[in-house]
Amino acid sequence: MGTDLVIVTFNSVSTIKRCLDAIQKHTPFPYRIIIVDNGSTDGTLEYVRSRNEVTLIENGYNKGYSSAVNRGIMSGNSETVVVMNPDVFVTSGWLSPLHELLWSDQKNAVVAPKLINSNNQLVGVGTNWDWTSPYFMCLNEPGLLEETRACLAINGACFLLKRNLLEKLGLLDEHYFHYFEETDYCFNANYSGFRVLFCPASTIYHEYFPNPERDQAIRQYWEQSEAIFNAKWSYPGNGIVSKNL
């Protein structure tokens, strides 16, 4: 059973080489890398073109993250789809536990790994039914981070989907230009009776560090997407997801 690895790049030359090298080193079974570039001008395109193992789709301009991911998904044909950022670096044995968990039950729709940065800080472990937190992380309760568990949503830096559920769940909602697209997909999966799972048996590096200057520059995208998300969904609690039709 092969896997499509969909990566969206936008001026990602500083990270894409390490990302691709890690995939090549730590992914022993069949996969296809599909990179969708959103108009990079920093040398990303030139580098990716030099990698013969990559299928490159050039958008020519920034069409938004959801749109780019969807184009990558639809260009593939594998039963499993991995959506991943160009600044994640996989580790030995990363894919097998995610793949096995995803396909262990027909109700499993989304599976995501434990994400840490190079300072060994947690940057993505799924939200534990907590609507109040602006980041999809949970408290480090005893044993919690070492147990597979259902989540309301996961961090979109790396997650697995089933192609055969696209007919029921659809693709990412392209109303989101940047941010909240993976959260929306997870809410839709929960709403539709499927499961979103955190899989601590797989650890992946995601080099995210707070950067006030960068974060302020892209805050508008967060606010726009948050407004779209809040208009579409509500979460009264008790594991219930409601869709505002």
Foldseek 3Di string as FASTA:
>chain_A
DEEEEEEEDAQLPVQQVQQVVLCVVAPPDHYAYEYEYAQHDNCPVVVVVVDPRHHYHYPNHQLFDQVRRVVSVVVDDDQKYKYAYSQKGFDHPQVVVQVCVQPVDPQAFKEDEFEAAPVRHTQKQAAAQDPPDPGGDYDCDPPPLQDKDFHLFIDNNIMMGGPVCCVVQNGFDSQQRDPPRRSVSSLSSLQVRGTHIYHHVTYMYGHDDDDVVVCVVCVVSVVSVVVVVVCAWDDPTPSDIDGDD
